[in-house]
Amino acid sequence: MLQKLFRIVLPLVILGGCGYAGWWLYTSKPEPEVAQIPPPLVRVEGLTLKKSVYPVVARSQGAVQPLARTVLTTEVGGKVVEMSPHFRPGSFFTKGEVLVKVDPVNYETALVEAQAALAAAEALLVDERAKSEQALEGWKALGRTGQPGVTLTRAHQVAKAQADVEAAKAQIRRAQRDLERTELRAPYDGQVLRQAVDLGQVVNAGADLGEIFGIDAVEVRLPVPEREMPYLKMPEWHRGQERGAEGAEVRLLAHAGGKPSLWTGRLVRVEGAVDEGTRQTIAVARVEDPFGQRTDGQAPLKIGQFVEAEIVGTPLQDVLVLPRTAVRAGNEIILITKQNRLRRVTVEPLAGDLRQVVVSALTEKGPHDGDVLCVTPIPFPADGARVLPTIDGQTERPGMAAEMDGAKTGGKPSQPGKGRES
């Protein structure tokens, strides 16, 4: 009986002990230690901004065009009997030089005929005036008074003879002009661009003989960027004004024979209409004496040659020059505060190029002299996020190394003498 009771009670005791042990283990378990892990600090590069003066240079491009271009045409027809050796493409000529001469024989003959016609008309006029005077004397000899009629005085015949004389003189002047026009003279010092006639060729009046251009100066049409126009000295003209103010200096870079050459000119005028394709204002730069021999041995400019232009503007005062790579979409930059936190700022560019962006240092909400610009690209910068900066190539700001070390060790600074166990 006792053995049977033992068999029943023993399992119950074991089950109760196990339950008590489980309850004790559950209720007396230690609280887990919660570690405060600070967010990791991102290392970034910073650049201290300094107020400076920025020389504004607007970049443009264009093609060289002559200041004066003339298509030569003959005013009389005939056979070309003489040509200047300088009337060849690329050759230079001087003002007044005979470039092309047409056979003048027919025009010399016309001049002689006109002179003969004048002599005959003058002789007839003398004869008619003599007859008129005789008729008037006969009228007076008859004792008549009053004014005789025009028929008696032969006034009509005298007037016609006078008109014939004037017409003959006009024919002489016309024949002289035609004779002079057989020689086509250069209207200015220039260079031949195109030749369309040669010796022995018969040409009609108005025929195209070639094309020339003046060599005193050349011009280049330059589209001007709208953003930089307020800082450029533009030679705007107004109605009734003989000449506008002197424009900005222009440096032109040309390449000839694989060698660069630099030319200096000035803006001389602004065209009255904007370019319909680019909606940009067109300024015209002029270069004086572009074909003269230079001491540096550089090749002269050529008509139609492509050139790159730099228009020198008024320097900008009190500005900050930012690397273009540090300017994000929407003209946004990231500054690093003294507490090593990020601050997003929107700027308004005043000028710039492919490498730099220029902003004012005097705006209220913009960057100022001494601010630190973050130049490290950050995909999604959070305003106020902490970073570990390296400014101007120097080490981190004081105290940041300890914060970085604490971030690595779970929020507790490392202690000396307690290295990692192997």
Protein backbone atom coordinates (compact mmCIF):
# COMPACT_ATOMS: atom_id res chain seq x y z
CA MET A 1 0.00 0.00 0.00
CA LEU A 2 2.84 2.35 0.92
CA GLN A 3 4.67 1.44 -2.25
CA LYS A 4 1.62 2.25 -4.32
CA LEU A 5 1.19 5.64 -2.62
CA PHE A 6 4.89 6.43 -3.24
CA ARG A 7 4.45 5.76 -6.91
CA ILE A 8 1.57 8.25 -7.05
CA VAL A 9 3.10 11.04 -4.91
CA LEU A 10 6.64 10.99 -6.34
CA PRO A 11 5.70 12.12 -9.85
CA LEU A 12 3.54 14.89 -8.40
CA VAL A 13 6.44 16.14 -6.28
CA ILE A 14 8.76 16.07 -9.27
CA LEU A 15 6.27 17.98 -11.41
CA GLY A 16 5.74 20.56 -8.67
CA GLY A 17 9.47 21.03 -8.23
CA CYS A 18 9.99 21.48 -11.91
CA GLY A 19 7.16 24.02 -12.08
CA TYR A 20 8.57 25.92 -9.10
CA ALA A 21 12.05 25.93 -10.66
CA GLY A 22 10.64 27.24 -13.94
CA TRP A 23 8.67 29.97 -12.17
CA TRP A 24 11.72 30.97 -10.16
CA LEU A 25 13.91 31.14 -13.25
CA TYR A 26 11.29 33.27 -15.06
CA THR A 27 10.73 35.72 -12.22
CA SER A 28 14.36 36.14 -11.27
CA LYS A 29 15.84 36.65 -14.79
CA PRO A 30 18.26 39.66 -15.07
CA GLU A 31 17.15 42.77 -16.96
CA PRO A 32 18.92 43.01 -20.37
CA GLU A 33 21.39 45.90 -20.67
CA VAL A 34 20.27 48.48 -23.25
CA ALA A 35 23.21 50.05 -25.13
CA GLN A 36 22.81 53.54 -26.61
CA ILE A 37 24.47 53.41 -30.04
CA PRO A 38 24.87 56.90 -31.52
CA PRO A 39 24.32 57.32 -35.24
CA PRO A 40 27.51 56.98 -37.27
CA LEU A 41 29.27 60.25 -38.18
CA VAL A 42 29.94 60.73 -41.90
CA ARG A 43 33.35 62.06 -42.82
CA VAL A 44 33.12 65.02 -45.21
CA GLU A 45 35.47 67.55 -46.77
CA GLY A 46 34.92 71.23 -46.02
CA LEU A 47 36.15 74.43 -47.68
CA THR A 48 36.29 77.77 -45.86
CA LEU A 49 34.68 80.49 -47.96
CA LYS A 50 36.55 83.77 -48.31
CA LYS A 51 35.19 87.04 -49.68
CA SER A 52 36.99 88.13 -52.83
CA VAL A 53 36.79 90.12 -56.06
CA TYR A 54 35.72 88.14 -59.12
CA PRO A 55 36.75 89.31 -62.62
CA VAL A 56 33.68 88.83 -64.79
CA VAL A 57 34.51 87.28 -68.15
CA ALA A 58 31.60 86.38 -70.43
CA ARG A 59 32.48 83.64 -72.89
CA SER A 60 31.04 83.55 -76.37
CA GLN A 61 31.96 82.55 -79.90
CA GLY A 62 31.46 83.67 -83.46
CA ALA A 63 32.87 83.93 -86.96
CA VAL A 64 35.06 86.68 -88.39
CA GLN A 65 33.24 88.94 -90.85
CA PRO A 66 34.60 91.90 -92.87
CA LEU A 67 33.62 95.40 -91.91
CA ALA A 68 33.16 96.30 -95.62
CA ARG A 69 32.35 93.68 -98.26
CA THR A 70 31.73 94.55 -101.92
CA VAL A 71 30.59 92.50 -104.90
CA LEU A 72 32.29 94.05 -107.93
CA THR A 73 30.10 94.60 -111.00
CA THR A 74 30.89 96.40 -114.23
CA GLU A 75 28.72 99.35 -115.26
CA VAL A 76 29.71 98.99 -118.93
CA GLY A 77 30.09 95.98 -121.15
CA GLY A 78 33.01 94.87 -123.26
CA LYS A 79 36.06 92.65 -123.42
CA VAL A 80 38.38 92.45 -120.41
CA VAL A 81 41.74 93.67 -121.72
CA GLU A 82 43.63 94.27 -118.48
CA MET A 83 43.64 92.87 -114.94
CA SER A 84 45.68 93.80 -111.93
CA PRO A 85 48.08 91.09 -110.72
CA HIS A 86 46.57 91.74 -107.27
CA PHE A 87 43.08 90.75 -108.43
CA ARG A 88 43.49 87.17 -107.28
CA PRO A 89 41.88 85.47 -104.25
CA GLY A 90 43.93 86.27 -101.16
CA SER A 91 45.88 89.16 -102.74
CA PHE A 92 45.93 92.62 -101.22
CA PHE A 93 45.33 95.83 -103.18
CA THR A 94 45.34 99.55 -102.44
CA LYS A 95 42.62 102.16 -102.77
CA GLY A 96 42.32 103.55 -106.32
CA GLU A 97 44.18 100.66 -107.96
CA VAL A 98 42.76 99.51 -111.31
CA LEU A 99 41.57 95.94 -110.74
CA VAL A 100 39.81 95.24 -114.07
CA LYS A 101 39.82 97.18 -117.37
CA VAL A 102 37.33 96.75 -120.19
CA ASP A 103 38.24 97.58 -123.82
CA PRO A 104 37.69 101.37 -124.02
CA VAL A 105 37.71 101.80 -127.84
CA ASN A 106 33.94 101.95 -128.27
CA TYR A 107 33.60 104.43 -125.41
CA GLU A 108 36.40 106.64 -126.75
CA THR A 109 34.58 106.70 -130.09
CA ALA A 110 31.31 107.62 -128.35
CA LEU A 111 33.09 110.48 -126.59
CA VAL A 112 34.46 111.84 -129.90
CA GLU A 113 31.00 111.63 -131.48
CA ALA A 114 29.47 113.47 -128.52
CA GLN A 115 32.10 116.21 -128.80
CA ALA A 116 31.34 116.56 -132.53
CA ALA A 117 27.64 116.77 -131.82
CA LEU A 118 28.31 119.53 -129.30
CA ALA A 119 30.33 121.52 -131.79
CA ALA A 120 27.54 121.27 -134.38
CA ALA A 121 24.91 122.26 -131.81
CA GLU A 122 26.94 125.27 -130.69
CA ALA A 123 27.41 126.40 -134.32
CA LEU A 124 23.68 126.15 -134.93
CA LEU A 125 23.00 128.12 -131.77
CA VAL A 126 25.33 130.90 -132.92
CA ASP A 127 23.57 130.99 -136.32
CA GLU A 128 20.09 131.16 -134.77
CA ARG A 129 21.11 133.94 -132.39
CA ALA A 130 22.51 135.94 -135.33
CA LYS A 131 19.27 135.54 -137.28
CA SER A 132 17.29 136.62 -134.22
CA GLU A 133 19.40 139.76 -133.83
CA GLN A 134 18.99 140.62 -137.54
CA ALA A 135 15.24 140.26 -137.30
CA LEU A 136 15.12 142.54 -134.27
CA GLU A 137 17.24 145.21 -136.03
CA GLY A 138 14.93 145.06 -139.09
CA TRP A 139 11.93 145.54 -136.79
CA LYS A 140 13.51 148.67 -135.34
CA ALA A 141 14.58 149.96 -138.78
CA LEU A 142 10.95 149.97 -139.92
CA GLY A 143 10.21 152.38 -137.06
CA ARG A 144 7.90 150.01 -135.30
CA THR A 145 7.42 150.21 -131.58
CA GLY A 146 6.52 147.65 -128.97
CA GLN A 147 7.75 144.11 -128.52
CA PRO A 148 8.04 141.98 -131.64
CA GLY A 149 6.48 138.51 -131.69
CA VAL A 150 8.39 135.31 -130.97
CA THR A 151 8.02 134.26 -134.57
CA LEU A 152 9.81 137.36 -135.80
CA THR A 153 12.61 137.09 -133.23
CA ARG A 154 13.01 133.32 -133.85
CA ALA A 155 12.87 132.69 -130.09
CA HIS A 156 11.70 129.11 -130.58
CA GLN A 157 14.59 128.30 -132.89
CA VAL A 158 17.08 129.84 -130.47
CA ALA A 159 15.61 127.88 -127.53
CA LYS A 160 15.78 124.62 -129.48
CA ALA A 161 19.38 125.28 -130.48
CA GLN A 162 20.23 126.04 -126.82
CA ALA A 163 18.57 122.79 -125.74
CA ASP A 164 20.52 120.87 -128.36
CA VAL A 165 23.76 122.32 -126.97
CA GLU A 166 22.85 121.25 -123.41
CA ALA A 167 21.90 117.77 -124.64
CA ALA A 168 25.22 117.48 -126.46
CA LYS A 169 27.07 118.48 -123.29
CA ALA A 170 25.14 115.82 -121.33
CA GLN A 171 26.12 113.24 -123.94
CA ILE A 172 29.76 114.23 -123.50
CA ARG A 173 29.50 113.84 -119.73
CA ARG A 174 27.85 110.44 -120.17
CA ALA A 175 30.50 109.32 -122.66
CA GLN A 176 33.23 110.47 -120.27
CA ARG A 177 31.66 108.55 -117.39
CA ASP A 178 31.33 105.41 -119.52
CA LEU A 179 34.95 105.76 -120.56
CA GLU A 180 36.01 106.14 -116.91
CA ARG A 181 33.93 103.08 -115.97
CA THR A 182 35.94 100.90 -118.29
CA GLU A 183 38.50 100.96 -115.46
CA LEU A 184 37.19 99.37 -112.27
CA ARG A 185 39.14 100.90 -109.37
CA ALA A 186 39.35 99.65 -105.80
CA PRO A 187 37.13 101.70 -103.45
CA TYR A 188 39.38 101.01 -100.43
CA ASP A 189 42.44 99.12 -99.27
CA GLY A 190 41.40 95.51 -99.23
CA GLN A 191 41.83 91.87 -100.13
CA VAL A 192 40.26 89.77 -102.87
CA LEU A 193 37.80 87.21 -101.56
CA ARG A 194 36.57 85.83 -104.89
CA GLN A 195 37.45 86.27 -108.58
CA ALA A 196 34.77 85.65 -111.22
CA VAL A 197 36.36 87.04 -114.43
CA ASP A 198 39.62 86.77 -116.33
CA LEU A 199 41.47 88.25 -119.30
CA GLY A 200 39.76 88.04 -122.69
CA GLN A 201 36.31 87.43 -121.24
CA VAL A 202 33.45 89.52 -122.62
CA VAL A 203 31.20 90.90 -119.91
CA ASN A 204 27.91 92.75 -119.99
CA ALA A 205 26.94 95.72 -117.88
CA GLY A 206 26.10 94.52 -114.36
CA ALA A 207 28.16 91.32 -114.65
CA ASP A 208 29.65 89.84 -111.45
CA LEU A 209 33.43 90.30 -111.52
CA GLY A 210 34.30 89.10 -108.02
CA GLU A 211 34.14 89.98 -104.36
CA ILE A 212 36.47 92.05 -102.18
CA PHE A 213 36.52 93.24 -98.57
CA GLY A 214 38.22 95.98 -96.56
CA ILE A 215 41.20 95.18 -94.39
CA ASP A 216 41.11 98.10 -91.96
CA ALA A 217 38.99 96.14 -89.48
CA VAL A 218 36.89 93.00 -89.05
CA GLU A 219 33.87 92.29 -86.88
CA VAL A 220 32.59 89.29 -84.93
CA ARG A 221 28.93 88.81 -83.92
CA LEU A 222 28.88 87.48 -80.35
CA PRO A 223 25.80 86.17 -78.50
CA VAL A 224 25.99 87.55 -74.95
CA PRO A 225 24.74 85.46 -71.98
CA GLU A 226 21.78 87.22 -70.35
CA ARG A 227 23.01 86.56 -66.80
CA GLU A 228 26.30 88.38 -67.35
CA MET A 229 24.97 91.35 -69.34
CA PRO A 230 24.52 93.60 -66.24
CA TYR A 231 28.27 93.37 -65.60
CA LEU A 232 29.36 94.09 -69.19
CA LYS A 233 29.87 97.52 -70.72
CA MET A 234 27.50 97.37 -73.67
CA PRO A 235 27.72 100.13 -76.34
CA GLU A 236 24.00 100.81 -76.59
CA TRP A 237 23.03 103.51 -79.11
CA HIS A 238 19.91 105.64 -79.01
CA ARG A 239 18.03 107.56 -81.66
CA GLY A 240 19.67 110.89 -82.40
CA GLN A 241 22.95 109.77 -80.85
CA GLU A 242 25.89 109.91 -83.23
CA ARG A 243 27.96 107.37 -81.35
CA GLY A 244 27.47 105.18 -78.30
CA ALA A 245 29.81 104.80 -75.35
CA GLU A 246 32.94 102.71 -75.80
CA GLY A 247 32.20 99.04 -75.17
CA ALA A 248 33.94 96.34 -73.18
CA GLU A 249 37.28 94.85 -74.15
CA VAL A 250 37.12 91.54 -76.02
CA ARG A 251 39.83 88.89 -76.28
CA LEU A 252 39.55 86.63 -79.32
CA LEU A 253 41.28 83.28 -79.50
CA ALA A 254 41.78 81.87 -83.00
CA HIS A 255 43.56 78.78 -84.24
CA ALA A 256 45.48 78.79 -87.51
CA GLY A 257 47.86 76.07 -88.65
CA GLY A 258 47.47 74.29 -85.33
CA LYS A 259 48.74 77.33 -83.43
CA PRO A 260 46.60 79.59 -81.23
CA SER A 261 46.65 83.34 -81.74
CA LEU A 262 45.19 86.01 -79.46
CA TRP A 263 43.58 89.21 -80.72
CA THR A 264 42.17 92.16 -78.80
CA GLY A 265 39.14 94.19 -79.83
CA ARG A 266 36.19 96.09 -78.39
CA LEU A 267 32.42 95.95 -78.53
CA VAL A 268 31.27 98.68 -80.91
CA ARG A 269 27.50 98.20 -81.05
CA VAL A 270 24.57 96.02 -80.03
CA GLU A 271 22.23 94.75 -82.73
CA GLY A 272 18.66 95.95 -82.59
CA ALA A 273 17.07 92.49 -82.52
CA VAL A 274 17.69 89.40 -80.42
CA ASP A 275 18.57 86.09 -82.01
CA GLU A 276 15.31 84.26 -82.71
CA GLY A 277 16.88 80.85 -82.13
CA THR A 278 18.71 81.45 -78.85
CA ARG A 279 16.83 84.56 -77.60
CA GLN A 280 20.19 86.14 -76.82
CA THR A 281 21.38 89.68 -77.43
CA ILE A 282 24.00 90.00 -80.18
CA ALA A 283 26.94 92.32 -79.57
CA VAL A 284 29.44 93.14 -82.30
CA ALA A 285 33.17 93.21 -81.55
CA ARG A 286 35.62 94.99 -83.84
CA VAL A 287 39.32 94.23 -84.31
CA GLU A 288 41.46 96.92 -85.92
CA ASP A 289 44.17 96.06 -88.47
CA PRO A 290 43.69 92.28 -88.35
CA PHE A 291 45.83 91.62 -91.43
CA GLY A 292 48.93 93.58 -90.49
CA GLN A 293 52.18 91.75 -89.83
CA ARG A 294 52.67 91.08 -86.12
CA THR A 295 55.94 91.00 -84.23
CA ASP A 296 55.04 87.66 -82.63
CA GLY A 297 54.70 86.01 -86.04
CA GLN A 298 51.07 84.98 -85.57
CA ALA A 299 48.94 84.37 -88.64
CA PRO A 300 46.36 87.03 -89.58
CA LEU A 301 42.66 86.49 -89.08
CA LYS A 302 40.68 85.03 -91.96
CA ILE A 303 37.17 85.82 -93.07
CA GLY A 304 34.78 83.14 -91.83
CA GLN A 305 37.28 81.89 -89.25
CA PHE A 306 35.73 80.61 -86.01
CA VAL A 307 36.98 82.34 -82.85
CA GLU A 308 36.34 81.97 -79.14
CA ALA A 309 35.68 85.24 -77.33
CA GLU A 310 36.11 86.48 -73.77
CA ILE A 311 34.26 89.71 -73.00
CA VAL A 312 35.86 91.47 -70.04
CA GLY A 313 33.26 92.85 -67.63
CA THR A 314 33.22 94.92 -64.45
CA PRO A 315 34.74 92.96 -61.52
CA LEU A 316 32.26 91.81 -58.86
CA GLN A 317 33.03 93.03 -55.35
CA ASP A 318 32.28 91.16 -52.08
CA VAL A 319 31.49 87.79 -53.61
CA LEU A 320 32.13 84.14 -52.80
CA VAL A 321 33.47 81.78 -55.45
CA LEU A 322 32.04 78.27 -55.07
CA PRO A 323 33.16 75.10 -56.88
CA ARG A 324 30.41 74.14 -59.32
CA THR A 325 30.56 70.54 -58.08
CA ALA A 326 29.41 71.77 -54.64
CA VAL A 327 26.24 73.38 -56.05
CA ARG A 328 23.35 70.93 -56.13
CA ALA A 329 20.18 70.96 -58.22
CA GLY A 330 18.04 74.01 -57.57
CA ASN A 331 21.11 76.13 -56.75
CA GLU A 332 21.40 74.54 -53.31
CA ILE A 333 24.60 74.26 -51.29
CA ILE A 334 25.42 72.57 -47.97
CA LEU A 335 27.18 74.46 -45.20
CA ILE A 336 28.86 72.96 -42.13
CA THR A 337 28.04 74.86 -38.95
CA LYS A 338 30.38 75.37 -36.00
CA GLN A 339 28.55 72.51 -34.26
CA ASN A 340 29.51 70.27 -37.19
CA ARG A 341 25.97 70.01 -38.46
CA LEU A 342 24.74 70.31 -42.01
CA ARG A 343 22.73 73.34 -43.13
CA ARG A 344 21.10 73.50 -46.56
CA VAL A 345 21.09 76.95 -48.20
CA THR A 346 19.71 78.13 -51.54
CA VAL A 347 21.88 80.67 -53.38
CA GLU A 348 21.37 83.04 -56.32
CA PRO A 349 24.32 82.83 -58.76
CA LEU A 350 25.58 86.16 -60.08
CA ALA A 351 27.99 84.73 -62.64
CA GLY A 352 30.05 81.63 -63.26
CA ASP A 353 31.57 79.23 -65.71
CA LEU A 354 32.04 75.48 -66.10
CA ARG A 355 34.14 75.26 -62.93
CA GLN A 356 32.86 77.99 -60.62
CA VAL A 357 29.69 79.67 -59.40
CA VAL A 358 29.80 83.21 -58.00
CA VAL A 359 27.35 84.34 -55.29
CA SER A 360 27.08 87.48 -53.19
CA ALA A 361 28.60 87.45 -49.70
CA LEU A 362 26.22 90.18 -48.45
CA THR A 363 22.85 88.40 -48.64
CA GLU A 364 21.03 87.84 -45.38
CA LYS A 365 20.25 84.13 -45.75
CA GLY A 366 23.11 83.16 -48.05
CA PRO A 367 26.65 82.09 -47.21
CA HIS A 368 29.03 84.62 -45.67
CA ASP A 369 32.74 85.15 -45.31
CA GLY A 370 34.21 82.41 -43.08
CA ASP A 371 31.41 79.87 -43.56
CA VAL A 372 32.45 76.29 -44.31
CA LEU A 373 31.14 74.76 -47.53
CA CYS A 374 30.67 71.00 -47.77
CA VAL A 375 32.31 69.81 -50.98
CA THR A 376 31.68 66.08 -50.45
CA PRO A 377 28.71 64.85 -52.50
CA ILE A 378 25.98 63.60 -50.12
CA PRO A 379 23.01 61.93 -51.85
CA PHE A 380 20.36 62.75 -49.24
CA PRO A 381 21.68 65.33 -46.77
CA ALA A 382 19.46 65.82 -43.73
CA ASP A 383 19.26 69.36 -42.40
CA GLY A 384 20.95 69.35 -38.97
CA ALA A 385 22.72 66.00 -39.41
CA ARG A 386 26.08 65.74 -37.63
CA VAL A 387 29.21 65.06 -39.63
CA LEU A 388 32.91 64.69 -39.06
CA PRO A 389 34.52 67.35 -41.28
CA THR A 390 38.04 67.77 -42.58
CA ILE A 391 38.28 71.49 -43.32
CA ASP A 392 40.78 72.91 -45.82
CA GLY A 393 42.76 69.66 -45.68
CA GLN A 394 43.27 69.97 -41.93
CA THR A 395 42.25 67.50 -39.19
CA GLU A 396 38.84 67.42 -37.56
CA ARG A 397 37.69 70.10 -35.20
CA PRO A 398 38.67 69.57 -31.53
CA GLY A 399 36.59 66.92 -29.74
CA MET A 400 35.32 65.27 -32.91
CA ALA A 401 37.90 62.47 -32.79
CA ALA A 402 36.63 61.42 -29.35
CA GLU A 403 33.03 61.48 -30.61
CA MET A 404 34.00 59.34 -33.58
CA ASP A 405 35.80 56.89 -31.24
CA GLY A 406 32.80 56.79 -28.94
CA ALA A 407 30.54 55.99 -31.87
CA LYS A 408 32.72 52.99 -32.69
CA THR A 409 32.77 51.68 -29.06
CA GLY A 410 29.04 51.83 -28.46
CA GLY A 411 28.86 55.29 -26.99
CA LYS A 412 31.75 54.88 -24.50
CA PRO A 413 35.14 56.38 -25.12
CA SER A 414 37.93 53.84 -25.33
CA GLN A 415 40.20 53.50 -22.30
CA PRO A 416 43.92 53.30 -22.60
CA GLY A 417 45.49 49.95 -21.82
CA LYS A 418 42.39 47.94 -22.83
CA GLY A 419 43.10 46.78 -26.31
CA ARG A 420 41.29 44.15 -28.32
CA GLU A 421 41.99 40.58 -27.10
CA SER A 422 43.51 38.31 -29.64
